[in-house]
Amino acid sequence: MPVHTITVELTDCAARHDAIALIVPLGIDTEFQRFQAFEAPKDWGVTIVAEPRSGQRAAVLEPPERESRARLFHTFSSTGSSLPADAFLPEGTAVAIAASELATEARSIALHAGGGLLGIAAIVADTNARFEYGEVPVAERWYHGQEAVPIVTCAAGNCIDINTYLTASLRAANYEATYLTCYFFDADPEGIASGMHCWVRTRFDGLVQDWDIAHFKKAGRSDIAAMMNPVPGQRFALAYGRDHVYQWRGIDIRLPTPSRPMWVREDGTAIWGEPPVLRLA
């Protein structure tokens, strides 16, 4: 049984972010992998915490010194299991539900397409048509600070933005959908990835489909279809869903997008640090 180890090497430290700890989603099982183990530096304190709503686990790591840098290891087997059924349960938070105008539009799109799988494909196609791929600062994103995901006519966005819109649209049309995050390794011969990636999975009448609009756009393709890797590579799933809350030492650590490690301050605020260096063996 082939085993894959991902080395996550942090290039910054707690002192740079006024942090007291680091939180790291461990990994989840999917049909193409099984999470096996996580290893932290031996001189760091480690507490495993579970997210109350979904039961997903994360490690909270305390550095021995505020200037200490961490090297972490995630191990996955290539023999898959299955995504838990509760992965499709809606979070009910601002980035996971559609505002009324978007909800009405999504239902109309699915209905006019004939519903069922055709409705899903139509919503995916509509989302694809509304976005250009691009990086946008968090504070400037069209859903930042909103009580629900609003409708957009034309917007720039990365995988997070596009899949936020897609997940909210699908759920508004009464489809089961979940948001998945991963480390993605493309064809780099040295096995180095630049960071995290995300995609959307739907389930209808027992059929599971994976949708990755952002990768189709990055590949310059407009023929959006349900497939895993329009950009060839390997993905290792870290978490499903949005807006995780982990309780540790009396504080709530909130991860809007649970993926790569985040620094934790005393009040529970989670901060993105410098992107880690990711290597696949």
Protein backbone atom coordinates (compact mmCIF):
# COMPACT_ATOMS: atom_id res chain seq x y z
CA MET A 1 0.00 0.00 0.00
CA PRO A 2 1.74 3.22 -1.14
CA VAL A 3 2.20 5.84 1.57
CA HIS A 4 2.61 9.57 0.96
CA THR A 5 4.20 11.94 3.45
CA ILE A 6 3.71 15.69 3.19
CA THR A 7 6.31 17.86 4.88
CA VAL A 8 5.01 21.29 5.90
CA GLU A 9 7.87 23.63 6.72
CA LEU A 10 6.92 26.97 8.25
CA THR A 11 9.00 29.95 7.28
CA ASP A 12 7.81 32.26 10.08
CA CYS A 13 7.22 32.02 13.83
CA ALA A 14 4.78 32.93 16.62
CA ALA A 15 6.67 36.09 17.55
CA ARG A 16 6.03 37.59 14.13
CA HIS A 17 2.26 37.40 14.66
CA ASP A 18 1.98 37.97 18.42
CA ALA A 19 0.76 34.37 18.65
CA ILE A 20 0.83 31.76 21.38
CA ALA A 21 0.16 28.63 19.30
CA LEU A 22 -0.31 27.13 15.87
CA ILE A 23 -3.42 25.22 14.75
CA VAL A 24 -3.21 22.58 12.03
CA PRO A 25 -6.10 20.57 10.49
CA LEU A 26 -4.86 16.99 10.44
CA GLY A 27 -6.50 15.50 7.35
CA ILE A 28 -9.59 13.50 6.41
CA ASP A 29 -10.47 10.30 4.59
CA THR A 30 -11.78 10.36 1.03
CA GLU A 31 -12.23 7.79 -1.72
CA PHE A 32 -8.71 8.44 -3.01
CA GLN A 33 -6.80 8.56 0.30
CA ARG A 34 -6.85 7.73 3.98
CA PHE A 35 -5.33 9.94 6.65
CA GLN A 36 -2.86 7.93 8.73
CA ALA A 37 -0.71 10.08 10.97
CA PHE A 38 0.47 13.55 11.93
CA GLU A 39 3.84 14.38 13.46
CA ALA A 40 4.84 17.65 15.12
CA PRO A 41 8.30 18.76 16.26
CA LYS A 42 9.28 16.85 19.38
CA ASP A 43 9.88 19.95 21.50
CA TRP A 44 6.49 21.52 20.76
CA GLY A 45 3.46 20.99 23.01
CA VAL A 46 0.64 19.17 21.17
CA THR A 47 -3.09 19.09 21.97
CA ILE A 48 -5.52 17.30 19.65
CA VAL A 49 -8.90 19.06 19.53
CA ALA A 50 -12.14 18.10 17.78
CA GLU A 51 -14.55 20.47 16.08
CA PRO A 52 -17.85 20.00 17.96
CA ARG A 53 -20.17 20.23 14.95
CA SER A 54 -18.35 17.88 12.56
CA GLY A 55 -15.93 15.96 14.77
CA GLN A 56 -12.97 16.87 12.55
CA ARG A 57 -9.65 17.01 14.34
CA ALA A 58 -6.88 19.56 14.48
CA ALA A 59 -3.62 19.85 16.39
CA VAL A 60 -2.87 22.91 18.50
CA LEU A 61 0.90 23.28 18.80
CA GLU A 62 2.75 25.40 21.36
CA PRO A 63 6.27 26.44 20.41
CA PRO A 64 9.08 26.04 22.95
CA GLU A 65 10.26 29.55 22.04
CA ARG A 66 8.37 32.35 20.31
CA GLU A 67 11.00 32.35 17.56
CA SER A 68 10.81 28.59 16.96
CA ARG A 69 9.99 27.38 13.47
CA ALA A 70 8.07 24.17 12.85
CA ARG A 71 8.38 21.28 10.44
CA LEU A 72 5.23 19.15 10.33
CA PHE A 73 4.43 15.82 8.70
CA HIS A 74 1.07 14.50 7.40
CA THR A 75 0.96 10.87 6.26
CA PHE A 76 -1.71 9.47 3.92
CA SER A 77 -2.19 6.06 2.36
CA SER A 78 -3.36 5.82 -1.24
CA THR A 79 -6.04 3.28 -0.31
CA GLY A 80 -9.16 5.36 0.13
CA SER A 81 -12.11 5.17 2.43
CA SER A 82 -15.08 7.50 2.07
CA LEU A 83 -16.08 11.00 3.06
CA PRO A 84 -18.32 11.01 6.16
CA ALA A 85 -22.02 11.46 5.44
CA ASP A 86 -22.22 14.50 7.72
CA ALA A 87 -19.79 16.34 5.44
CA PHE A 88 -22.88 17.47 3.52
CA LEU A 89 -24.61 19.03 6.53
CA PRO A 90 -24.88 22.83 6.02
CA GLU A 91 -22.94 25.01 8.45
CA GLY A 92 -25.60 27.73 8.46
CA THR A 93 -23.02 30.53 8.68
CA ALA A 94 -22.55 33.65 6.59
CA VAL A 95 -20.11 32.17 4.06
CA ALA A 96 -22.16 29.00 3.63
CA ILE A 97 -25.68 30.28 2.90
CA ALA A 98 -27.09 32.28 0.00
CA ALA A 99 -28.69 35.69 0.31
CA SER A 100 -32.30 35.82 -0.89
CA GLU A 101 -31.53 37.14 -4.38
CA LEU A 102 -28.88 34.49 -4.99
CA ALA A 103 -31.13 31.76 -3.61
CA THR A 104 -33.95 32.75 -5.96
CA GLU A 105 -31.58 32.86 -8.92
CA ALA A 106 -30.04 29.46 -8.13
CA ARG A 107 -33.42 27.76 -7.81
CA SER A 108 -34.54 29.29 -11.11
CA ILE A 109 -31.39 28.10 -12.90
CA ALA A 110 -31.81 24.53 -11.62
CA LEU A 111 -35.53 24.47 -12.46
CA HIS A 112 -35.07 25.74 -16.01
CA ALA A 113 -32.33 23.15 -16.61
CA GLY A 114 -34.72 20.35 -15.66
CA GLY A 115 -33.57 19.76 -12.09
CA GLY A 116 -31.60 16.75 -10.93
CA LEU A 117 -28.07 16.37 -12.26
CA LEU A 118 -28.86 18.83 -15.04
CA GLY A 119 -29.68 21.42 -12.42
CA ILE A 120 -26.35 20.90 -10.69
CA ALA A 121 -24.45 21.25 -13.96
CA ALA A 122 -26.40 24.41 -14.80
CA ILE A 123 -25.53 26.06 -11.48
CA VAL A 124 -21.88 25.12 -11.97
CA ALA A 125 -21.93 26.61 -15.48
CA ASP A 126 -23.59 29.79 -14.21
CA THR A 127 -20.99 30.19 -11.45
CA ASN A 128 -18.20 29.66 -13.96
CA ALA A 129 -19.61 32.40 -16.20
CA ARG A 130 -19.70 34.92 -13.34
CA PHE A 131 -16.01 34.73 -12.40
CA GLU A 132 -12.60 35.54 -13.73
CA TYR A 133 -9.78 33.76 -11.92
CA GLY A 134 -7.67 36.13 -9.83
CA GLU A 135 -6.45 36.89 -6.31
CA VAL A 136 -8.44 39.46 -4.33
CA PRO A 137 -7.50 40.75 -0.83
CA VAL A 138 -9.84 39.33 1.83
CA ALA A 139 -11.20 42.74 2.83
CA GLU A 140 -12.15 43.47 -0.79
CA ARG A 141 -14.04 40.26 -1.48
CA TRP A 142 -17.67 40.77 -2.45
CA TYR A 143 -18.96 38.62 0.45
CA HIS A 144 -16.67 40.07 3.15
CA GLY A 145 -18.72 41.33 6.10
CA GLN A 146 -22.03 40.17 4.59
CA GLU A 147 -24.64 38.18 6.50
CA ALA A 148 -24.99 35.75 3.58
CA VAL A 149 -23.36 35.14 0.19
CA PRO A 150 -24.73 37.79 -2.23
CA ILE A 151 -25.31 37.44 -5.95
CA VAL A 152 -22.61 38.77 -8.28
CA THR A 153 -22.69 39.64 -11.96
CA CYS A 154 -18.97 39.55 -12.70
CA ALA A 155 -16.22 39.15 -10.14
CA ALA A 156 -12.59 38.18 -9.75
CA GLY A 157 -11.84 35.39 -7.36
CA ASN A 158 -9.63 32.45 -6.47
CA CYS A 159 -10.74 28.93 -5.58
CA ILE A 160 -12.01 30.06 -2.15
CA ASP A 161 -14.21 32.81 -3.61
CA ILE A 162 -15.58 30.75 -6.51
CA ASN A 163 -16.40 27.76 -4.33
CA THR A 164 -17.99 29.92 -1.64
CA TYR A 165 -20.42 31.14 -4.30
CA LEU A 166 -20.95 27.68 -5.80
CA THR A 167 -21.62 25.95 -2.47
CA ALA A 168 -24.13 28.59 -1.38
CA SER A 169 -25.90 28.43 -4.78
CA LEU A 170 -26.17 24.64 -4.79
CA ARG A 171 -27.50 24.47 -1.27
CA ALA A 172 -30.04 27.21 -2.00
CA ALA A 173 -31.38 24.98 -4.79
CA ASN A 174 -31.68 22.12 -2.25
CA TYR A 175 -28.67 20.14 -3.46
CA GLU A 176 -26.27 18.39 -1.11
CA ALA A 177 -22.88 20.07 -1.46
CA THR A 178 -19.72 20.35 0.59
CA TYR A 179 -16.59 22.46 0.43
CA LEU A 180 -13.28 20.56 0.61
CA THR A 181 -9.76 21.85 1.22
CA CYS A 182 -6.49 20.16 0.35
CA TYR A 183 -2.81 20.45 -0.36
CA PHE A 184 -2.40 20.17 -4.12
CA PHE A 185 0.78 18.96 -5.80
CA ASP A 186 1.00 19.48 -9.54
CA ALA A 187 3.60 18.09 -11.93
CA ASP A 188 6.55 19.84 -10.24
CA PRO A 189 9.38 17.28 -10.54
CA GLU A 190 10.70 18.25 -7.09
CA GLY A 191 7.34 17.53 -5.44
CA ILE A 192 6.86 21.06 -4.10
CA ALA A 193 3.44 22.74 -3.83
CA SER A 194 2.73 26.42 -3.30
CA GLY A 195 -0.16 26.04 -0.89
CA MET A 196 -3.73 24.92 -0.40
CA HIS A 197 -6.59 24.41 -2.82
CA CYS A 198 -10.32 23.78 -2.51
CA TRP A 199 -13.16 22.33 -4.55
CA VAL A 200 -16.85 21.41 -4.23
CA ARG A 201 -18.43 17.98 -4.02
CA THR A 202 -22.11 17.28 -4.71
CA ARG A 203 -24.25 14.24 -3.95
CA PHE A 204 -27.51 13.52 -5.72
CA ASP A 205 -29.41 10.22 -5.87
CA GLY A 206 -26.30 8.44 -4.60
CA LEU A 207 -24.03 9.90 -7.28
CA VAL A 208 -21.04 11.86 -5.98
CA GLN A 209 -19.47 14.46 -8.29
CA ASP A 210 -16.42 16.69 -7.78
CA TRP A 211 -16.35 20.19 -9.29
CA ASP A 212 -13.21 22.30 -9.65
CA ILE A 213 -14.05 25.47 -11.60
CA ALA A 214 -10.88 27.25 -10.48
CA HIS A 215 -8.58 24.60 -11.95
CA PHE A 216 -10.48 24.58 -15.24
CA LYS A 217 -9.99 28.36 -15.39
CA LYS A 218 -6.29 28.08 -14.56
CA ALA A 219 -5.92 25.53 -17.35
CA GLY A 220 -7.66 27.88 -19.77
CA ARG A 221 -10.57 25.48 -20.26
CA SER A 222 -14.24 26.42 -20.54
CA ASP A 223 -15.61 22.85 -20.79
CA ILE A 224 -16.43 22.59 -17.08
CA ALA A 225 -17.16 18.99 -16.10
CA ALA A 226 -17.30 16.88 -12.95
CA MET A 227 -13.74 15.64 -12.57
CA MET A 228 -10.96 15.80 -9.99
CA ASN A 229 -7.87 17.11 -11.74
CA PRO A 230 -8.29 19.23 -14.87
CA VAL A 231 -4.84 20.45 -13.79
CA PRO A 232 -2.92 17.14 -13.42
CA GLY A 233 -1.66 16.43 -9.94
CA GLN A 234 -2.41 14.93 -6.53
CA ARG A 235 -4.56 16.36 -3.79
CA PHE A 236 -4.54 15.43 -0.11
CA ALA A 237 -7.73 16.48 1.67
CA LEU A 238 -7.38 18.33 4.96
CA ALA A 239 -10.95 19.25 5.92
CA TYR A 240 -14.51 19.68 4.78
CA GLY A 241 -16.91 22.53 5.46
CA ARG A 242 -16.38 26.13 6.53
CA ASP A 243 -16.26 28.17 9.73
CA HIS A 244 -14.74 25.60 12.05
CA VAL A 245 -14.56 26.43 15.76
CA TYR A 246 -12.08 24.57 17.96
CA GLN A 247 -12.09 24.95 21.75
CA TRP A 248 -8.73 25.07 23.48
CA ARG A 249 -7.87 26.29 26.98
CA GLY A 250 -11.12 28.19 27.33
CA ILE A 251 -10.91 30.03 24.02
CA ASP A 252 -12.65 29.48 20.70
CA ILE A 253 -10.31 29.25 17.71
CA ARG A 254 -12.22 30.12 14.54
CA LEU A 255 -11.05 28.89 11.13
CA PRO A 256 -13.22 30.33 8.32
CA THR A 257 -11.35 28.16 5.79
CA PRO A 258 -9.71 25.19 7.54
CA SER A 259 -6.62 24.36 5.51
CA ARG A 260 -2.97 25.22 6.03
CA PRO A 261 -1.59 26.05 9.51
CA MET A 262 -2.68 29.28 11.18
CA TRP A 263 -1.17 31.18 14.11
CA VAL A 264 -3.40 31.62 17.18
CA ARG A 265 -3.42 34.69 19.42
CA GLU A 266 -4.48 34.79 23.06
CA ASP A 267 -8.05 35.82 22.20
CA GLY A 268 -8.46 32.90 19.79
CA THR A 269 -7.97 34.93 16.62
CA ALA A 270 -6.41 32.78 13.88
CA ILE A 271 -3.87 34.52 11.60
CA TRP A 272 -2.54 33.42 8.22
CA GLY A 273 1.25 33.40 8.32
CA GLU A 274 3.72 33.18 5.51
CA PRO A 275 2.84 30.35 3.11
CA PRO A 276 4.62 27.17 4.21
CA VAL A 277 6.93 25.17 1.97
CA LEU A 278 5.18 21.89 1.10
CA ARG A 279 7.02 18.80 -0.08
CA LEU A 280 5.60 15.44 -1.11
CA ALA A 281 7.44 12.16 -0.61
